[in-house]
Amino acid sequence: QVQLVESGGGLVQPGGSLRLSCAASGFTFSNYAMSWYRQAPGKERELVAIITSTGGSTNYVDSVKGRFTISRDNAKNTVALQMNSLKPEDTAVYYCKARPWGQTYWGQGTQVTVSS
């Protein structure tokens, strides 16, 4: 079955960095785009970044452009989100998403808290 397992969240001070990772299994990873979403308390889940199957194209929500970088390693079936210059408003649970065969799968999420 499809599994997405996120890791790398934690508590960081404003201006700091974190690197999230998502390990995927149960489908042919290199055939599908991958994305990261986040959900802050009391807010809807929002798309943060997306990367094509080959990694040749990426896109970001405006609020993270220039600070976050999505990447993937198709040999290891992983997708990462490098987050720099973190702000308190980046605090949220971050989720990895895949859509093999037109079906949506989510990881369990990893908490990112940006606070001094």
N, C-alpha and C. Protein backbone atom coordinates (compact mmCIF):
# COMPACT_ATOMS: atom_id res chain seq x y z
N GLN A 1 0.84 -1.18 0.00
CA GLN A 1 0.00 0.00 0.00
C GLN A 1 0.89 1.24 0.00
N VAL A 2 0.30 2.35 -0.38
CA VAL A 2 1.03 3.61 -0.42
C VAL A 2 1.32 4.09 0.99
N GLN A 3 2.57 4.45 1.22
CA GLN A 3 2.96 5.04 2.50
C GLN A 3 3.80 6.28 2.25
N LEU A 4 3.50 7.33 2.99
CA LEU A 4 4.27 8.56 2.98
C LEU A 4 4.62 8.87 4.42
N VAL A 5 5.91 8.97 4.71
CA VAL A 5 6.36 9.19 6.08
C VAL A 5 7.23 10.42 6.13
N GLU A 6 6.72 11.47 6.80
CA GLU A 6 7.46 12.72 6.94
C GLU A 6 8.35 12.68 8.17
N SER A 7 9.42 13.45 8.11
CA SER A 7 10.31 13.61 9.25
C SER A 7 11.00 14.96 9.14
N GLY A 8 11.61 15.39 10.24
CA GLY A 8 12.43 16.59 10.21
C GLY A 8 11.83 17.83 10.84
N GLY A 9 10.60 17.73 11.30
CA GLY A 9 10.00 18.90 11.95
C GLY A 9 10.61 19.16 13.32
N GLY A 10 10.19 20.27 13.92
CA GLY A 10 10.70 20.60 15.24
C GLY A 10 10.46 22.05 15.58
N LEU A 11 11.11 22.49 16.64
CA LEU A 11 11.04 23.87 17.11
C LEU A 11 12.28 24.62 16.66
N VAL A 12 12.10 25.78 16.06
CA VAL A 12 13.22 26.56 15.57
C VAL A 12 12.93 28.04 15.81
N GLN A 13 13.98 28.81 16.02
CA GLN A 13 13.82 30.24 16.24
C GLN A 13 13.59 30.95 14.91
N PRO A 14 12.93 32.10 14.95
CA PRO A 14 12.77 32.88 13.72
C PRO A 14 14.12 33.14 13.05
N GLY A 15 14.13 32.99 11.72
CA GLY A 15 15.37 33.13 10.98
C GLY A 15 16.14 31.83 10.81
N GLY A 16 15.71 30.80 11.50
CA GLY A 16 16.39 29.51 11.42
C GLY A 16 15.97 28.68 10.23
N SER A 17 16.51 27.47 10.18
CA SER A 17 16.26 26.57 9.05
C SER A 17 15.86 25.19 9.54
N LEU A 18 15.08 24.52 8.72
CA LEU A 18 14.74 23.12 8.93
C LEU A 18 14.69 22.43 7.57
N ARG A 19 14.94 21.14 7.58
CA ARG A 19 14.81 20.35 6.35
C ARG A 19 13.85 19.20 6.62
N LEU A 20 12.73 19.22 5.92
CA LEU A 20 11.75 18.14 6.03
C LEU A 20 12.02 17.10 4.95
N SER A 21 11.72 15.86 5.28
CA SER A 21 11.88 14.78 4.32
C SER A 21 10.63 13.91 4.32
N CYS A 22 10.31 13.37 3.16
CA CYS A 22 9.17 12.47 3.03
C CYS A 22 9.64 11.23 2.28
N ALA A 23 9.51 10.07 2.92
CA ALA A 23 9.88 8.80 2.30
C ALA A 23 8.62 8.13 1.76
N ALA A 24 8.63 7.79 0.48
CA ALA A 24 7.45 7.23 -0.18
C ALA A 24 7.67 5.77 -0.54
N SER A 25 6.60 5.01 -0.50
CA SER A 25 6.66 3.61 -0.92
C SER A 25 5.28 3.17 -1.39
N GLY A 26 5.24 2.07 -2.13
CA GLY A 26 3.97 1.50 -2.57
C GLY A 26 3.52 1.94 -3.94
N PHE A 27 4.31 2.78 -4.60
CA PHE A 27 4.00 3.19 -5.97
C PHE A 27 5.31 3.57 -6.67
N THR A 28 5.23 3.74 -7.98
CA THR A 28 6.43 4.09 -8.75
C THR A 28 6.67 5.59 -8.60
N PHE A 29 7.49 5.90 -7.63
CA PHE A 29 7.71 7.28 -7.19
C PHE A 29 8.11 8.19 -8.35
N SER A 30 8.99 7.72 -9.19
CA SER A 30 9.54 8.58 -10.24
C SER A 30 8.52 8.94 -11.33
N ASN A 31 7.34 8.36 -11.28
CA ASN A 31 6.32 8.67 -12.29
C ASN A 31 5.41 9.82 -11.91
N TYR A 32 5.50 10.31 -10.68
CA TYR A 32 4.49 11.24 -10.19
C TYR A 32 5.07 12.50 -9.56
N ALA A 33 4.36 13.61 -9.79
CA ALA A 33 4.68 14.83 -9.07
C ALA A 33 4.44 14.61 -7.58
N MET A 34 5.14 15.38 -6.78
CA MET A 34 4.99 15.33 -5.32
C MET A 34 4.81 16.76 -4.81
N SER A 35 4.14 16.87 -3.67
CA SER A 35 3.91 18.20 -3.14
C SER A 35 3.96 18.20 -1.62
N TRP A 36 4.19 19.39 -1.09
CA TRP A 36 4.14 19.65 0.35
C TRP A 36 3.00 20.63 0.61
N TYR A 37 2.24 20.33 1.65
CA TYR A 37 1.17 21.20 2.12
C TYR A 37 1.44 21.52 3.58
N ARG A 38 0.73 22.51 4.08
CA ARG A 38 0.79 22.80 5.51
C ARG A 38 -0.57 23.26 6.00
N GLN A 39 -0.78 23.03 7.29
CA GLN A 39 -2.03 23.45 7.91
C GLN A 39 -1.74 24.04 9.28
N ALA A 40 -2.03 25.33 9.41
CA ALA A 40 -1.86 26.02 10.68
C ALA A 40 -3.16 25.90 11.48
N PRO A 41 -3.07 26.05 12.81
CA PRO A 41 -4.28 25.96 13.63
C PRO A 41 -5.37 26.92 13.19
N GLY A 42 -6.56 26.40 13.00
CA GLY A 42 -7.69 27.22 12.61
C GLY A 42 -7.71 27.65 11.16
N LYS A 43 -6.77 27.13 10.36
CA LYS A 43 -6.71 27.51 8.95
C LYS A 43 -6.85 26.28 8.07
N GLU A 44 -7.18 26.52 6.80
CA GLU A 44 -7.28 25.42 5.86
C GLU A 44 -5.89 24.96 5.43
N ARG A 45 -5.83 23.72 5.00
CA ARG A 45 -4.56 23.19 4.47
C ARG A 45 -4.25 23.90 3.16
N GLU A 46 -2.98 24.32 3.00
CA GLU A 46 -2.59 25.04 1.80
C GLU A 46 -1.38 24.39 1.15
N LEU A 47 -1.36 24.50 -0.19
CA LEU A 47 -0.22 24.01 -0.95
C LEU A 47 0.98 24.92 -0.71
N VAL A 48 2.11 24.32 -0.39
CA VAL A 48 3.34 25.07 -0.16
C VAL A 48 4.26 24.99 -1.37
N ALA A 49 4.47 23.78 -1.88
CA ALA A 49 5.41 23.59 -2.98
C ALA A 49 5.07 22.30 -3.71
N ILE A 50 5.41 22.28 -5.01
CA ILE A 50 5.17 21.10 -5.82
C ILE A 50 6.35 20.91 -6.76
N ILE A 51 6.65 19.65 -7.05
CA ILE A 51 7.76 19.32 -7.93
C ILE A 51 7.30 18.25 -8.91
N THR A 52 7.71 18.39 -10.17
CA THR A 52 7.31 17.42 -11.18
C THR A 52 8.03 16.09 -10.98
N SER A 53 7.61 15.09 -11.73
CA SER A 53 8.13 13.74 -11.53
C SER A 53 9.64 13.65 -11.73
N THR A 54 10.17 14.44 -12.65
CA THR A 54 11.61 14.40 -12.92
C THR A 54 12.39 15.38 -12.05
N GLY A 55 11.65 16.26 -11.38
CA GLY A 55 12.32 17.31 -10.62
C GLY A 55 12.69 18.52 -11.46
N GLY A 56 12.29 18.51 -12.72
CA GLY A 56 12.69 19.58 -13.61
C GLY A 56 11.95 20.89 -13.44
N SER A 57 10.82 20.83 -12.74
CA SER A 57 10.04 22.04 -12.54
C SER A 57 9.46 22.06 -11.13
N THR A 58 9.46 23.24 -10.53
CA THR A 58 8.92 23.41 -9.19
C THR A 58 8.05 24.66 -9.15
N ASN A 59 7.19 24.71 -8.15
CA ASN A 59 6.38 25.90 -7.96
C ASN A 59 6.11 26.06 -6.47
N TYR A 60 5.92 27.31 -6.04
CA TYR A 60 5.78 27.61 -4.62
C TYR A 60 4.65 28.61 -4.40
N VAL A 61 4.06 28.54 -3.23
CA VAL A 61 3.15 29.59 -2.81
C VAL A 61 3.97 30.86 -2.60
N ASP A 62 3.38 32.00 -2.89
CA ASP A 62 4.13 33.26 -2.86
C ASP A 62 4.81 33.51 -1.52
N SER A 63 4.17 33.11 -0.44
CA SER A 63 4.69 33.43 0.90
C SER A 63 6.00 32.73 1.23
N VAL A 64 6.38 31.69 0.47
CA VAL A 64 7.62 30.98 0.77
C VAL A 64 8.66 31.11 -0.34
N LYS A 65 8.32 31.77 -1.42
CA LYS A 65 9.26 31.90 -2.54
C LYS A 65 10.53 32.59 -2.08
N GLY A 66 11.66 32.02 -2.47
CA GLY A 66 12.95 32.57 -2.10
C GLY A 66 13.45 32.07 -0.75
N ARG A 67 12.60 31.38 0.00
CA ARG A 67 12.99 30.87 1.32
C ARG A 67 12.97 29.34 1.38
N PHE A 68 12.02 28.74 0.68
CA PHE A 68 11.87 27.28 0.70
C PHE A 68 12.31 26.70 -0.64
N THR A 69 12.84 25.47 -0.59
CA THR A 69 13.23 24.77 -1.80
C THR A 69 12.76 23.31 -1.71
N ILE A 70 12.00 22.89 -2.71
CA ILE A 70 11.57 21.49 -2.79
C ILE A 70 12.51 20.75 -3.72
N SER A 71 12.83 19.52 -3.37
CA SER A 71 13.70 18.69 -4.20
C SER A 71 13.31 17.24 -4.03
N ARG A 72 13.79 16.39 -4.92
CA ARG A 72 13.47 14.97 -4.82
C ARG A 72 14.66 14.13 -5.24
N ASP A 73 14.70 12.91 -4.73
CA ASP A 73 15.70 11.93 -5.09
C ASP A 73 14.94 10.68 -5.54
N ASN A 74 14.84 10.49 -6.85
CA ASN A 74 14.05 9.37 -7.36
C ASN A 74 14.72 8.02 -7.12
N ALA A 75 16.00 8.02 -6.86
CA ALA A 75 16.69 6.77 -6.54
C ALA A 75 16.36 6.31 -5.12
N LYS A 76 16.05 7.27 -4.26
CA LYS A 76 15.76 6.96 -2.86
C LYS A 76 14.28 7.08 -2.51
N ASN A 77 13.46 7.48 -3.50
CA ASN A 77 12.03 7.66 -3.26
C ASN A 77 11.75 8.65 -2.14
N THR A 78 12.45 9.76 -2.18
CA THR A 78 12.25 10.78 -1.16
C THR A 78 12.04 12.15 -1.78
N VAL A 79 11.29 12.97 -1.09
CA VAL A 79 11.11 14.37 -1.46
C VAL A 79 11.40 15.20 -0.22
N ALA A 80 12.09 16.30 -0.41
CA ALA A 80 12.51 17.12 0.71
C ALA A 80 11.99 18.55 0.56
N LEU A 81 11.92 19.24 1.68
CA LEU A 81 11.57 20.65 1.70
C LEU A 81 12.58 21.36 2.59
N GLN A 82 13.49 22.10 1.98
CA GLN A 82 14.45 22.90 2.73
C GLN A 82 13.81 24.24 3.04
N MET A 83 13.74 24.57 4.31
CA MET A 83 13.07 25.79 4.75
C MET A 83 14.08 26.69 5.45
N ASN A 84 14.34 27.85 4.86
CA ASN A 84 15.27 28.82 5.41
C ASN A 84 14.53 30.09 5.80
N SER A 85 15.19 30.91 6.59
CA SER A 85 14.62 32.20 7.02
C SER A 85 13.20 32.02 7.54
N LEU A 86 13.04 31.05 8.40
CA LEU A 86 11.70 30.72 8.90
C LEU A 86 11.10 31.86 9.70
N LYS A 87 9.79 31.99 9.59
CA LYS A 87 9.03 33.03 10.26
C LYS A 87 7.97 32.38 11.17
N PRO A 88 7.52 33.09 12.18
CA PRO A 88 6.47 32.52 13.04
C PRO A 88 5.24 32.08 12.25
N GLU A 89 4.93 32.78 11.18
CA GLU A 89 3.76 32.42 10.38
C GLU A 89 3.95 31.14 9.56
N ASP A 90 5.15 30.58 9.59
CA ASP A 90 5.38 29.28 8.95
C ASP A 90 4.99 28.12 9.88
N THR A 91 4.66 28.44 11.12
CA THR A 91 4.26 27.41 12.07
C THR A 91 3.03 26.67 11.58
N ALA A 92 3.14 25.36 11.48
CA ALA A 92 2.04 24.54 10.95
C ALA A 92 2.46 23.07 11.01
N VAL A 93 1.49 22.22 10.74
CA VAL A 93 1.81 20.82 10.46
C VAL A 93 2.03 20.70 8.96
N TYR A 94 3.15 20.12 8.57
CA TYR A 94 3.51 19.99 7.17
C TYR A 94 3.26 18.55 6.71
N TYR A 95 2.61 18.45 5.55
CA TYR A 95 2.22 17.16 5.00
C TYR A 95 2.81 16.96 3.60
N CYS A 96 3.17 15.74 3.34
CA CYS A 96 3.59 15.31 2.02
C CYS A 96 2.38 14.71 1.32
N LYS A 97 2.23 14.97 0.02
CA LYS A 97 1.10 14.44 -0.73
C LYS A 97 1.55 13.82 -2.04
N ALA A 98 0.91 12.70 -2.38
CA ALA A 98 1.13 12.05 -3.66
C ALA A 98 -0.22 11.70 -4.28
N ARG A 99 -0.28 11.61 -5.63
CA ARG A 99 -1.53 11.27 -6.30
C ARG A 99 -1.31 10.22 -7.38
N PRO A 100 -0.81 9.05 -6.99
CA PRO A 100 -0.68 7.97 -7.98
C PRO A 100 -2.06 7.45 -8.36
N TRP A 101 -2.22 7.12 -9.63
CA TRP A 101 -3.49 6.57 -10.14
C TRP A 101 -4.68 7.48 -9.90
N GLY A 102 -4.45 8.75 -9.76
CA GLY A 102 -5.54 9.70 -9.53
C GLY A 102 -6.11 9.69 -8.13
N GLN A 103 -5.50 8.94 -7.23
CA GLN A 103 -5.95 8.89 -5.84
C GLN A 103 -4.99 9.68 -4.96
N THR A 104 -5.53 10.37 -3.99
CA THR A 104 -4.73 11.23 -3.13
C THR A 104 -4.32 10.51 -1.85
N TYR A 105 -3.03 10.60 -1.56
CA TYR A 105 -2.49 10.02 -0.34
C TYR A 105 -1.71 11.09 0.42
N TRP A 106 -1.87 11.05 1.75
CA TRP A 106 -1.19 12.00 2.63
C TRP A 106 -0.31 11.25 3.63
N GLY A 107 0.76 11.91 4.03
CA GLY A 107 1.51 11.41 5.16
C GLY A 107 0.83 11.81 6.45
N GLN A 108 1.46 11.44 7.57
CA GLN A 108 0.86 11.72 8.88
C GLN A 108 1.12 13.15 9.34
N GLY A 109 2.05 13.81 8.69
CA GLY A 109 2.37 15.19 9.03
C GLY A 109 3.51 15.30 10.02
N THR A 110 4.20 16.43 9.97
CA THR A 110 5.27 16.73 10.93
C THR A 110 5.12 18.18 11.36
N GLN A 111 5.21 18.40 12.67
CA GLN A 111 4.97 19.73 13.23
C GLN A 111 6.21 20.61 13.08
N VAL A 112 6.00 21.80 12.58
CA VAL A 112 7.04 22.83 12.53
C VAL A 112 6.56 24.01 13.37
N THR A 113 7.35 24.38 14.36
CA THR A 113 7.03 25.51 15.22
C THR A 113 8.17 26.51 15.17
N VAL A 114 7.84 27.74 14.78
CA VAL A 114 8.83 28.81 14.70
C VAL A 114 8.52 29.82 15.80
N SER A 115 9.39 29.86 16.78
CA SER A 115 9.12 30.70 17.95
C SER A 115 10.41 30.99 18.68
N SER A 116 10.47 32.17 19.29
CA SER A 116 11.63 32.51 20.10
C SER A 116 11.38 32.16 21.56
